[in-house]
């Protein structure tokens, strides 16, 4: 297939590109390297240095014998997007190309506006380019479970059938996002659903849980093929942060009471889910939503698991509860359905003790340059600016 990966320099985008290239697909990756600029703005960097995307593409060719084409450009530039789609005519578009951090979006008016403009306008340009150049292509869009919030009812997969005054209808599941970033994803979902309904575009919206993990089958082939692994307060996800904190002897920083419950999945399963969606595309005019996670944990659950992991490795791990910088429920009902990807064949990579031990060993081996100040939450949801 001809597969276009938007956001190909990222934590998920680069391993996804290598995966599809390895199986013989024709892959083009696109990035404007904004994430690297955001890291410079915040004064943070991944656990291990990540070579440039140009260098990784070159190394991939040397290691695998396969080509990945690289295009540098900004999705908010519609001329770039149209030219790209007209030239490549992708059959599947995997869209990771957005600002991915809730804390970054909540820092200030500037970062909130930037996040929404970058994400929503870029996504709209993709939709219009699809209609113009490849209307039969399949858009696989990375959404987030954070679109739903924490409702006091079960979370269905994208749609909700309701009865009202004796009549029944199926509507998009109501959303209650917790940040300007998550809100941008809600707007994306509504815009994509509209394009499917009105233009006949086909799309799968992958509402992904929190991703953890370091390695995929391809990143282990050479050090230059690694992907970014963040542990900081802006781009690091909670389990990744806990593992690094434990490795350097810093307390695990639990926000508030720690009862916040979310869906989680291993980075390997992100690749597996995207693969399943690409190989079983939505029908023309169909807006399909999959809740993409494999297990549910509270923040306290993860802290306890990491403390036990440290104990098995002979490391004492302390858990600290900080004042929660976010505005969120810390004790709530959470039951999200996630059967559709399993029905397509997802084989979950579960968070076993063995998996945690392996990740912890890798982190400990590579934690010599950890900046511990990056653990502390600097962004407050209610801070005036």
Protein backbone atom coordinates (compact mmCIF):
# COMPACT_ATOMS: atom_id res chain seq x y z
CA UNK A 1 0.00 0.00 0.00
CA UNK A 2 0.92 3.67 -0.29
CA UNK A 3 0.88 4.86 3.32
CA UNK A 4 1.37 8.45 4.43
CA UNK A 5 2.52 9.00 8.02
CA UNK A 6 1.85 12.53 9.28
CA UNK A 7 4.01 13.42 12.27
CA UNK A 8 6.70 10.91 11.31
CA UNK A 9 9.37 12.34 13.64
CA UNK A 10 7.36 11.63 16.78
CA UNK A 11 7.25 9.03 19.56
CA UNK A 12 4.60 7.06 17.68
CA UNK A 13 5.05 8.27 14.11
CA UNK A 14 8.59 6.99 13.57
CA UNK A 15 8.01 3.42 14.85
CA UNK A 16 4.80 3.29 12.79
CA UNK A 17 6.68 4.32 9.65
CA UNK A 18 9.32 1.63 10.16
CA UNK A 19 6.64 -0.99 10.82
CA UNK A 20 4.84 -0.40 7.54
CA UNK A 21 8.09 -0.08 5.61
CA UNK A 22 9.32 -3.38 7.07
CA UNK A 23 6.26 -5.21 5.81
CA UNK A 24 6.80 -3.86 2.30
CA UNK A 25 4.52 -0.85 2.05
CA UNK A 26 5.52 2.34 0.25
CA UNK A 27 5.87 4.85 3.07
CA UNK A 28 6.16 8.63 3.07
CA UNK A 29 6.73 10.43 6.39
CA UNK A 30 5.92 14.10 6.92
CA UNK A 31 7.01 16.43 9.70
CA UNK A 32 7.80 20.08 10.31
CA UNK A 33 9.90 19.27 13.42
CA UNK A 34 7.77 21.51 15.63
CA UNK A 35 8.04 19.01 18.51
CA UNK A 36 11.79 19.56 18.62
CA UNK A 37 11.18 23.30 18.79
CA UNK A 38 8.69 22.87 21.65
CA UNK A 39 11.29 20.84 23.53
CA UNK A 40 13.77 23.69 23.12
CA UNK A 41 11.16 26.18 24.34
CA UNK A 42 10.49 24.09 27.45
CA UNK A 43 14.15 23.27 28.11
CA UNK A 44 13.52 19.52 28.03
CA UNK A 45 14.81 16.57 26.06
CA UNK A 46 14.09 12.85 25.76
CA UNK A 47 15.74 10.28 28.03
CA UNK A 48 18.12 9.40 25.17
CA UNK A 49 19.14 11.68 22.31
CA UNK A 50 17.15 11.04 19.15
CA UNK A 51 18.91 11.45 15.80
CA UNK A 52 17.31 13.72 13.23
CA UNK A 53 14.58 12.21 11.10
CA UNK A 54 16.86 12.52 8.06
CA UNK A 55 19.52 10.45 9.86
CA UNK A 56 17.00 7.83 10.98
CA UNK A 57 15.57 7.46 7.47
CA UNK A 58 19.10 6.95 6.15
CA UNK A 59 19.95 4.42 8.87
CA UNK A 60 16.71 2.56 8.23
CA UNK A 61 17.71 2.12 4.58
CA UNK A 62 21.08 0.75 5.66
CA UNK A 63 19.60 -1.63 8.24
CA UNK A 64 16.54 -2.85 6.35
CA UNK A 65 17.32 -2.22 2.70
CA UNK A 66 14.00 -0.41 2.41
CA UNK A 67 13.21 3.20 1.60
CA UNK A 68 11.13 5.64 3.59
CA UNK A 69 10.54 8.91 1.78
CA UNK A 70 10.75 12.09 3.85
CA UNK A 71 8.82 15.27 3.14
CA UNK A 72 9.34 18.37 5.29
CA UNK A 73 6.35 20.67 5.59
CA UNK A 74 3.58 22.09 7.75
CA UNK A 75 0.04 20.72 7.65
CA UNK A 76 -1.36 24.21 8.26
CA UNK A 77 0.04 25.17 4.83
CA UNK A 78 -2.71 23.97 2.52
CA UNK A 79 -0.58 24.33 -0.60
CA UNK A 80 2.01 21.94 0.85
CA UNK A 81 -0.70 19.46 1.83
CA UNK A 82 -2.45 19.57 -1.56
CA UNK A 83 0.84 19.14 -3.43
CA UNK A 84 1.81 16.22 -1.21
CA UNK A 85 -1.50 14.40 -1.66
CA UNK A 86 -1.62 15.02 -5.40
CA UNK A 87 1.89 13.64 -5.89
CA UNK A 88 1.72 10.57 -3.62
CA UNK A 89 -1.98 9.63 -3.86
CA UNK A 90 -1.93 7.76 -0.54
CA UNK A 91 -4.26 4.82 0.02
CA UNK A 92 -4.02 5.21 3.81
CA UNK A 93 -3.15 8.30 5.85
CA UNK A 94 -2.01 7.77 9.45
CA UNK A 95 -2.40 11.14 11.14
CA UNK A 96 -0.24 11.76 14.22
CA UNK A 97 0.79 15.25 13.11
CA UNK A 98 -0.55 17.38 15.97
CA UNK A 99 0.59 19.09 19.17
CA UNK A 100 0.14 16.19 21.63
CA UNK A 101 0.47 17.67 25.12
CA UNK A 102 -2.30 18.75 27.49
CA UNK A 103 0.09 20.70 29.77
CA UNK A 104 1.62 22.53 26.80
CA UNK A 105 -1.85 23.58 25.67
CA UNK A 106 -2.71 24.92 29.13
CA UNK A 107 0.40 27.05 29.69
CA UNK A 108 -0.90 30.29 28.25
CA UNK A 109 -3.21 31.93 25.77
CA UNK A 110 -0.46 31.63 23.15
CA UNK A 111 0.02 27.87 23.56
CA UNK A 112 -3.73 27.24 23.73
CA UNK A 113 -4.37 29.18 20.52
CA UNK A 114 -1.38 27.58 18.84
CA UNK A 115 -2.51 24.07 19.81
CA UNK A 116 -6.02 24.55 18.48
CA UNK A 117 -4.94 26.37 15.33
CA UNK A 118 -2.19 23.87 14.53
CA UNK A 119 -4.30 20.78 15.19
CA UNK A 120 -7.68 21.82 13.80
CA UNK A 121 -6.47 23.70 10.72
CA UNK A 122 -3.95 20.99 9.86
CA UNK A 123 -6.62 18.32 10.13
CA UNK A 124 -9.04 20.33 7.98
CA UNK A 125 -6.36 20.73 5.31
CA UNK A 126 -5.89 16.96 5.31
CA UNK A 127 -9.63 16.41 4.84
CA UNK A 128 -9.86 18.87 1.95
CA UNK A 129 -6.74 17.40 0.31
CA UNK A 130 -8.25 13.92 0.58
CA UNK A 131 -11.46 15.08 -1.08
CA UNK A 132 -9.44 16.76 -3.81
CA UNK A 133 -6.72 14.19 -4.56
CA UNK A 134 -7.64 10.78 -3.08
CA UNK A 135 -11.30 10.59 -2.03
CA UNK A 136 -11.16 6.79 -1.66
CA UNK A 137 -8.21 6.87 0.76
CA UNK A 138 -8.69 5.83 4.38
CA UNK A 139 -7.84 8.30 7.15
CA UNK A 140 -6.60 6.68 10.36
CA UNK A 141 -6.62 9.56 12.83
CA UNK A 142 -5.07 9.44 16.28
CA UNK A 143 -7.64 10.73 18.73
CA UNK A 144 -7.59 10.36 22.50
CA UNK A 145 -9.66 8.82 25.27
CA UNK A 146 -9.33 12.24 26.88
CA UNK A 147 -12.05 13.48 24.54
CA UNK A 148 -14.61 11.69 26.70
CA UNK A 149 -13.50 12.96 30.08
CA UNK A 150 -14.78 10.95 33.05
CA UNK A 151 -18.56 10.62 32.64
CA UNK A 152 -20.67 8.86 35.23
CA UNK A 153 -21.87 6.36 32.62
CA UNK A 154 -20.11 3.73 30.53
CA UNK A 155 -18.00 5.13 27.68
CA UNK A 156 -19.07 3.59 24.38
CA UNK A 157 -16.87 3.47 21.29
CA UNK A 158 -17.60 6.83 19.74
CA UNK A 159 -21.36 6.61 19.42
CA UNK A 160 -24.27 6.50 21.85
CA UNK A 161 -27.81 5.28 21.19
CA UNK A 162 -30.30 7.19 23.31
CA UNK A 163 -34.04 7.35 23.86
CA UNK A 164 -35.73 10.69 24.39
CA UNK A 165 -39.46 11.43 24.61
CA UNK A 166 -40.32 8.15 22.98
CA UNK A 167 -37.90 8.44 20.08
CA UNK A 168 -34.47 6.86 19.54
CA UNK A 169 -31.34 8.06 17.74
CA UNK A 170 -27.62 7.27 17.59
CA UNK A 171 -25.39 10.28 18.14
CA UNK A 172 -21.72 10.96 18.71
CA UNK A 173 -20.89 10.20 22.32
CA UNK A 174 -20.95 13.46 24.33
CA UNK A 175 -17.49 14.81 25.05
CA UNK A 176 -16.13 16.55 28.13
CA UNK A 177 -12.40 17.11 27.48
CA UNK A 178 -10.01 18.25 30.19
CA UNK A 179 -7.63 20.56 28.31
CA UNK A 180 -7.39 22.73 25.23
CA UNK A 181 -5.38 19.92 23.62
CA UNK A 182 -8.12 17.37 24.24
CA UNK A 183 -10.69 19.90 23.07
CA UNK A 184 -8.82 20.25 19.77
CA UNK A 185 -9.18 16.50 19.30
CA UNK A 186 -12.93 16.80 19.88
CA UNK A 187 -13.13 19.39 17.12
CA UNK A 188 -11.10 17.06 14.87
CA UNK A 189 -13.53 14.22 15.49
CA UNK A 190 -16.54 16.35 14.66
CA UNK A 191 -14.91 17.71 11.51
CA UNK A 192 -13.96 14.22 10.33
CA UNK A 193 -17.44 12.86 11.03
CA UNK A 194 -18.90 15.73 9.02
CA UNK A 195 -16.54 15.04 6.09
CA UNK A 196 -17.48 11.36 6.14
CA UNK A 197 -21.20 12.09 6.29
CA UNK A 198 -21.23 14.84 3.67
CA UNK A 199 -18.35 13.99 1.32
CA UNK A 200 -18.28 10.20 1.66
CA UNK A 201 -14.74 10.08 3.09
CA UNK A 202 -13.80 6.98 5.07
CA UNK A 203 -12.09 7.34 8.45
CA UNK A 204 -11.18 5.49 11.62
CA UNK A 205 -10.79 7.65 14.74
CA UNK A 206 -8.50 5.87 17.22
CA UNK A 207 -9.31 7.21 20.67
CA UNK A 208 -6.05 6.19 22.26
CA UNK A 209 -5.34 5.76 25.93
CA UNK A 210 -2.09 6.73 27.61
CA UNK A 211 0.90 5.14 25.87
CA UNK A 212 3.93 3.75 27.66
CA UNK A 213 6.99 1.86 26.52
CA UNK A 214 10.42 2.24 25.01
CA UNK A 215 10.90 -0.27 22.23
CA UNK A 216 9.26 -1.79 19.16
CA UNK A 217 10.54 -4.55 16.90
CA UNK A 218 12.24 -2.01 14.63
CA UNK A 219 13.65 0.48 17.18
CA UNK A 220 15.83 -2.28 18.64
CA UNK A 221 17.62 -2.93 15.34
CA UNK A 222 20.03 -0.01 15.77
CA UNK A 223 20.56 2.75 18.33
CA UNK A 224 19.94 5.37 15.65
CA UNK A 225 16.42 4.01 15.12
CA UNK A 226 15.20 4.73 18.66
CA UNK A 227 12.14 6.85 19.22
CA UNK A 228 11.70 9.71 21.68
CA UNK A 229 10.97 8.73 25.29
CA UNK A 230 9.90 11.62 27.49
CA UNK A 231 9.73 11.64 31.28
CA UNK A 232 9.15 15.37 31.86
CA UNK A 233 6.03 17.16 33.08
CA UNK A 234 5.02 18.46 29.65
CA UNK A 235 5.47 15.60 27.17
CA UNK A 236 6.12 12.61 29.43
CA UNK A 237 3.30 10.18 30.12
CA UNK A 238 2.73 9.04 33.66
CA UNK A 239 4.16 5.50 33.64
CA UNK A 240 7.23 6.57 31.67
CA UNK A 241 7.80 9.35 34.21
CA UNK A 242 7.37 7.01 37.17
CA UNK A 243 9.93 4.55 35.78
CA UNK A 244 12.55 7.27 35.34
CA UNK A 245 11.84 8.75 38.76
CA UNK A 246 12.29 5.34 40.37
CA UNK A 247 15.51 4.75 38.44
CA UNK A 248 17.16 7.92 39.73
CA UNK A 249 15.87 7.66 43.30
CA UNK A 250 13.34 10.47 43.02
CA UNK A 251 9.87 10.11 44.58
CA UNK A 252 7.03 9.21 42.24
CA UNK A 253 4.94 12.36 41.82
CA UNK A 254 1.26 11.45 42.05
CA UNK A 255 -1.05 14.37 41.29
CA UNK A 256 -3.70 14.73 43.98
CA UNK A 257 -5.30 11.64 45.48
CA UNK A 258 -4.21 9.43 42.58
CA UNK A 259 -7.60 7.88 41.93
CA UNK A 260 -7.67 9.22 38.36
CA UNK A 261 -8.34 6.18 36.15
CA UNK A 262 -7.51 5.94 32.46
CA UNK A 263 -6.94 3.40 29.70
CA UNK A 264 -3.32 2.44 28.94
CA UNK A 265 -1.48 0.56 26.23
CA UNK A 266 2.04 -0.40 25.23
CA UNK A 267 3.62 1.41 22.28
CA UNK A 268 3.81 -1.95 20.50
CA UNK A 269 0.03 -2.15 20.68
CA UNK A 270 -0.32 1.32 19.19
CA UNK A 271 1.49 -0.03 16.14
CA UNK A 272 -0.65 -3.16 16.15
CA UNK A 273 -3.90 -1.17 16.37
CA UNK A 274 -2.94 1.17 13.53
CA UNK A 275 -1.97 -1.85 11.44
CA UNK A 276 -5.36 -3.47 12.06
CA UNK A 277 -7.20 -0.26 11.16
CA UNK A 278 -5.22 0.19 7.93
CA UNK A 279 -5.76 -3.41 6.83
CA UNK A 280 -9.51 -3.34 7.58
CA UNK A 281 -10.54 0.12 6.39
CA UNK A 282 -13.80 1.89 7.10
CA UNK A 283 -16.44 1.88 4.39
CA UNK A 284 -17.03 4.90 2.19
CA UNK A 285 -18.86 7.53 4.22
CA UNK A 286 -18.20 5.71 7.50
CA UNK A 287 -16.81 7.47 10.56
CA UNK A 288 -15.60 4.57 12.66
CA UNK A 289 -14.42 5.03 16.25
CA UNK A 290 -12.25 2.56 18.16
CA UNK A 291 -11.30 3.03 21.80
CA UNK A 292 -7.62 2.10 21.64
CA UNK A 293 -6.32 0.78 24.95
CA UNK A 294 -5.80 -2.60 26.57
CA UNK A 295 -6.02 -2.06 30.35
CA UNK A 296 -7.38 0.45 32.86
CA UNK A 297 -5.35 1.68 35.81
CA UNK A 298 -5.52 4.47 38.34
CA UNK A 299 -2.46 6.62 38.92
CA UNK A 300 -2.13 4.96 42.33
CA UNK A 301 -2.19 1.53 40.65
CA UNK A 302 0.74 2.51 38.47
CA UNK A 303 2.69 4.03 41.35
CA UNK A 304 2.31 0.82 43.35
CA UNK A 305 3.37 -1.28 40.36
CA UNK A 306 6.51 0.81 39.85
CA UNK A 307 7.32 0.68 43.58
CA UNK A 308 7.07 -3.12 43.43
CA UNK A 309 9.23 -3.13 40.31
CA UNK A 310 11.87 -1.15 42.16
CA UNK A 311 11.69 -3.53 45.11
CA UNK A 312 12.35 -6.51 42.84
CA UNK A 313 15.40 -4.65 41.50
CA UNK A 314 16.66 -3.77 44.97
CA UNK A 315 15.63 -0.12 44.73
CA UNK A 316 13.57 1.67 47.38
CA UNK A 317 10.81 3.78 45.80
CA UNK A 318 8.88 6.50 47.63
CA UNK A 319 5.49 7.80 46.50
CA UNK A 320 4.64 11.47 47.04
CA UNK A 321 1.22 13.03 46.54
CA UNK A 322 1.43 16.57 45.15
CA UNK A 323 -1.23 19.22 44.90
CA UNK A 324 -2.96 18.47 41.62
CA UNK A 325 -2.04 21.12 39.03
CA UNK A 326 -4.94 19.99 36.83
CA UNK A 327 -8.69 20.41 37.13
CA UNK A 328 -9.98 16.84 37.11
CA UNK A 329 -11.94 14.38 39.22
CA UNK A 330 -9.64 12.32 41.42
CA UNK A 331 -12.25 9.75 42.42
CA UNK A 332 -14.71 8.76 39.71
CA UNK A 333 -16.51 6.04 37.82
CA UNK A 334 -14.68 4.83 34.73
CA UNK A 335 -15.76 2.00 32.45
CA UNK A 336 -14.74 2.43 28.81
CA UNK A 337 -15.69 -0.15 26.18
CA UNK A 338 -12.84 -1.30 23.93
CA UNK A 339 -13.86 -4.42 22.03
CA UNK A 340 -13.73 -3.38 18.37
CA UNK A 341 -9.96 -3.67 17.93
CA UNK A 342 -10.00 -6.99 19.78
CA UNK A 343 -12.65 -8.14 17.32
CA UNK A 344 -10.26 -7.22 14.49
CA UNK A 345 -7.53 -9.35 16.06
CA UNK A 346 -5.68 -7.21 18.62
CA UNK A 347 -3.44 -9.33 20.86
CA UNK A 348 -2.76 -7.10 23.87
CA UNK A 349 0.70 -6.59 25.32
CA UNK A 350 -0.20 -6.47 29.00
CA UNK A 351 1.60 -4.62 31.77
CA UNK A 352 3.05 -7.67 33.51
CA UNK A 353 5.76 -7.70 36.15
CA UNK A 354 8.14 -9.04 33.52
CA UNK A 355 7.33 -6.19 31.14
CA UNK A 356 7.83 -3.60 33.88
CA UNK A 357 11.12 -5.19 34.95
CA UNK A 358 12.42 -5.05 31.38
CA UNK A 359 11.46 -1.40 30.91
CA UNK A 360 12.93 -0.48 34.28
CA UNK A 361 16.22 -2.20 33.44
CA UNK A 362 16.45 -0.25 30.18
CA UNK A 363 15.67 3.04 31.91
CA UNK A 364 18.23 2.42 34.68
CA UNK A 365 20.91 1.70 32.10
CA UNK A 366 20.24 5.01 30.34
CA UNK A 367 19.41 7.47 33.12
CA UNK A 368 22.79 9.11 33.54
CA UNK A 369 21.68 12.50 32.22
CA UNK A 370 18.19 12.78 33.70
CA UNK A 371 17.16 16.32 34.62
CA UNK A 372 15.19 15.78 37.83
CA UNK A 373 13.70 19.29 37.84
CA UNK A 374 11.72 18.21 34.77
CA UNK A 375 9.63 15.92 37.00
CA UNK A 376 7.96 18.85 38.77
CA UNK A 377 4.65 20.05 37.29
CA UNK A 378 5.13 23.62 36.10
CA UNK A 379 1.79 24.17 34.36
CA UNK A 380 -1.33 24.83 36.43
CA UNK A 381 -4.77 24.61 34.80
CA UNK A 382 -6.11 27.61 36.73
CA UNK A 383 -3.02 29.81 36.57
CA UNK A 384 -3.85 33.32 35.38
CA UNK A 385 -1.86 34.75 32.45
